[in-house]
């Protein structure tokens, strides 16, 4: 854990008084590595088959999320769900998920900045006006006729 200090032997202490690797860290789920039950971890073949199962299930969920990106459905949510499944077993997925959470939190904080919000509202308003004008021109020229029913004019 990086405490921001270069002092040797200095350890971080949580708010509840527990040190590094203590009860507070376990409660928050901050540890990296497999979260398989102890009896599974104790047997190499069982642990390997557990990891293969978790990988296959996570892959199926991520694959379903990728399919949902162009189709109706919560594609990104499902992809992140698959990453969370992988993160129960694989350190690389835990690190990727933490990085993603940090970036999403930073983006949310930037979006709450009044200048950014004002700019986004102005751009959205301009976009809606442009769409309204284009729809008005279409209705003026063709009426309520669907585009595939319009004959050459």
Protein backbone atom coordinates (compact mmCIF):
# COMPACT_ATOMS: atom_id res chain seq x y z
CA UNK A 1 0.00 0.00 0.00
CA UNK A 2 1.42 3.37 -0.94
CA UNK A 3 1.18 5.74 2.01
CA UNK A 4 2.83 8.61 0.16
CA UNK A 5 5.88 8.43 2.42
CA UNK A 6 9.41 7.28 1.69
CA UNK A 7 10.12 6.41 5.31
CA UNK A 8 11.19 2.81 5.83
CA UNK A 9 9.09 0.86 8.31
CA UNK A 10 6.21 3.33 8.28
CA UNK A 11 2.89 1.55 7.97
CA UNK A 12 -0.52 2.86 7.12
CA UNK A 13 -3.11 2.70 9.86
CA UNK A 14 -6.79 2.56 9.03
CA UNK A 15 -9.41 4.71 10.72
CA UNK A 16 -10.45 1.80 12.95
CA UNK A 17 -6.85 1.34 14.11
CA UNK A 18 -6.04 -1.79 12.19
CA UNK A 19 -2.74 -1.91 10.36
CA UNK A 20 -1.96 -3.02 6.83
CA UNK A 21 -3.56 -6.34 5.96
CA UNK A 22 -5.78 -6.04 9.02
CA UNK A 23 -9.48 -6.56 9.50
CA UNK A 24 -10.47 -3.28 7.85
CA UNK A 25 -8.67 -4.22 4.64
CA UNK A 26 -10.32 -7.64 4.55
CA UNK A 27 -13.77 -6.14 5.13
CA UNK A 28 -13.37 -3.73 2.20
CA UNK A 29 -12.14 -6.54 -0.08
CA UNK A 30 -8.94 -4.65 -0.91
CA UNK A 31 -6.71 -7.75 -1.06
CA UNK A 32 -5.59 -9.00 -4.44
CA UNK A 33 -5.76 -12.62 -5.49
CA UNK A 34 -8.15 -15.51 -5.51
CA UNK A 35 -11.30 -15.39 -3.41
CA UNK A 36 -11.91 -19.12 -3.76
CA UNK A 37 -12.80 -21.02 -0.59
CA UNK A 38 -9.81 -22.30 1.38
CA UNK A 39 -10.56 -25.97 0.68
CA UNK A 40 -10.47 -25.19 -3.06
CA UNK A 41 -7.19 -23.28 -2.78
CA UNK A 42 -5.61 -26.16 -0.85
CA UNK A 43 -5.93 -28.55 -3.80
CA UNK A 44 -4.09 -27.45 -6.93
CA UNK A 45 -6.24 -29.37 -9.45
CA UNK A 46 -9.46 -28.19 -7.83
CA UNK A 47 -8.22 -24.59 -7.73
CA UNK A 48 -7.18 -24.73 -11.39
CA UNK A 49 -10.57 -26.12 -12.42
CA UNK A 50 -12.25 -23.41 -10.26
CA UNK A 51 -10.26 -20.72 -12.09
CA UNK A 52 -11.10 -22.22 -15.49
CA UNK A 53 -14.80 -22.22 -14.54
CA UNK A 54 -14.66 -18.60 -13.37
CA UNK A 55 -12.84 -17.60 -16.56
CA UNK A 56 -15.38 -19.35 -18.81
CA UNK A 57 -18.37 -17.83 -16.98
CA UNK A 58 -16.74 -14.37 -17.04
CA UNK A 59 -15.95 -14.80 -20.73
CA UNK A 60 -19.58 -15.71 -21.48
CA UNK A 61 -20.83 -12.62 -19.60
CA UNK A 62 -18.30 -10.31 -21.29
CA UNK A 63 -19.19 -11.85 -24.66
CA UNK A 64 -22.89 -11.23 -24.01
CA UNK A 65 -22.06 -7.62 -23.12
CA UNK A 66 -20.10 -7.16 -26.34
CA UNK A 67 -23.07 -8.52 -28.30
CA UNK A 68 -25.34 -6.05 -26.46
CA UNK A 69 -23.24 -3.03 -27.46
CA UNK A 70 -24.83 -2.64 -30.92
CA UNK A 71 -28.07 -4.36 -29.87
CA UNK A 72 -30.58 -3.17 -27.28
CA UNK A 73 -29.39 -3.97 -23.81
CA UNK A 74 -27.06 -2.76 -21.07
CA UNK A 75 -23.84 -3.73 -22.88
CA UNK A 76 -21.29 -1.84 -20.77
CA UNK A 77 -22.95 -2.85 -17.51
CA UNK A 78 -22.82 -6.51 -18.51
CA UNK A 79 -19.17 -6.19 -19.60
CA UNK A 80 -18.25 -4.68 -16.24
CA UNK A 81 -20.21 -7.47 -14.56
CA UNK A 82 -18.10 -10.02 -16.42
CA UNK A 83 -14.96 -8.18 -15.36
CA UNK A 84 -16.20 -8.32 -11.76
CA UNK A 85 -16.64 -12.08 -12.10
CA UNK A 86 -13.06 -12.37 -13.40
CA UNK A 87 -11.88 -10.11 -10.58
CA UNK A 88 -12.94 -12.72 -8.02
CA UNK A 89 -10.04 -14.88 -9.22
CA UNK A 90 -7.54 -12.96 -11.32
CA UNK A 91 -5.30 -10.12 -10.17
CA UNK A 92 -5.14 -8.58 -13.65
CA UNK A 93 -8.94 -8.24 -13.68
CA UNK A 94 -8.94 -6.75 -10.18
CA UNK A 95 -6.40 -4.15 -11.26
CA UNK A 96 -8.31 -3.39 -14.48
CA UNK A 97 -11.56 -3.03 -12.54
CA UNK A 98 -9.95 -0.70 -9.98
CA UNK A 99 -8.48 1.43 -12.80
CA UNK A 100 -11.89 1.58 -14.49
CA UNK A 101 -13.64 2.56 -11.26
CA UNK A 102 -11.08 5.29 -10.65
CA UNK A 103 -11.46 6.68 -14.19
CA UNK A 104 -15.27 6.62 -14.00
CA UNK A 105 -15.16 8.44 -10.65
CA UNK A 106 -12.78 11.06 -12.07
CA UNK A 107 -15.03 11.55 -15.12
CA UNK A 108 -18.08 11.92 -12.88
CA UNK A 109 -16.28 14.57 -10.81
CA UNK A 110 -15.26 16.45 -13.97
CA UNK A 111 -18.84 16.29 -15.25
CA UNK A 112 -20.06 17.97 -12.07
CA UNK A 113 -17.82 20.99 -12.70
CA UNK A 114 -20.14 23.98 -13.38
CA UNK A 115 -18.21 25.06 -16.49
CA UNK A 116 -18.38 21.58 -18.00
CA UNK A 117 -22.07 21.25 -17.15
CA UNK A 118 -22.84 24.62 -18.74
CA UNK A 119 -20.89 23.67 -21.88
CA UNK A 120 -22.66 20.30 -22.11
CA UNK A 121 -26.07 21.94 -21.72
CA UNK A 122 -25.27 24.49 -24.43
CA UNK A 123 -23.99 21.81 -26.84
CA UNK A 124 -27.03 19.61 -26.18
CA UNK A 125 -29.36 22.57 -26.79
CA UNK A 126 -27.61 23.42 -30.07
CA UNK A 127 -27.82 19.77 -31.14
CA UNK A 128 -31.54 19.62 -30.35
CA UNK A 129 -32.17 22.84 -32.31
CA UNK A 130 -30.31 21.42 -35.32
CA UNK A 131 -32.30 18.16 -35.14
CA UNK A 132 -35.54 20.16 -34.83
CA UNK A 133 -34.69 22.28 -37.88
CA UNK A 134 -33.82 19.19 -39.94
CA UNK A 135 -37.07 17.51 -38.91
CA UNK A 136 -38.99 20.68 -39.78
CA UNK A 137 -37.41 20.85 -43.25
CA UNK A 138 -38.21 17.15 -43.81
CA UNK A 139 -41.83 17.58 -42.74
CA UNK A 140 -42.21 20.73 -44.87
CA UNK A 141 -40.82 18.99 -47.96
CA UNK A 142 -42.33 15.48 -47.60
CA UNK A 143 -45.03 15.68 -44.92
CA UNK A 144 -45.60 12.70 -42.64
CA UNK A 145 -44.45 10.25 -45.32
CA UNK A 146 -41.88 7.68 -44.22
CA UNK A 147 -38.50 7.88 -46.01
CA UNK A 148 -38.81 4.46 -47.62
CA UNK A 149 -42.17 5.39 -49.15
CA UNK A 150 -40.92 8.57 -50.84
CA UNK A 151 -40.81 8.37 -54.62
CA UNK A 152 -38.22 10.29 -56.64
CA UNK A 153 -39.05 14.00 -56.70
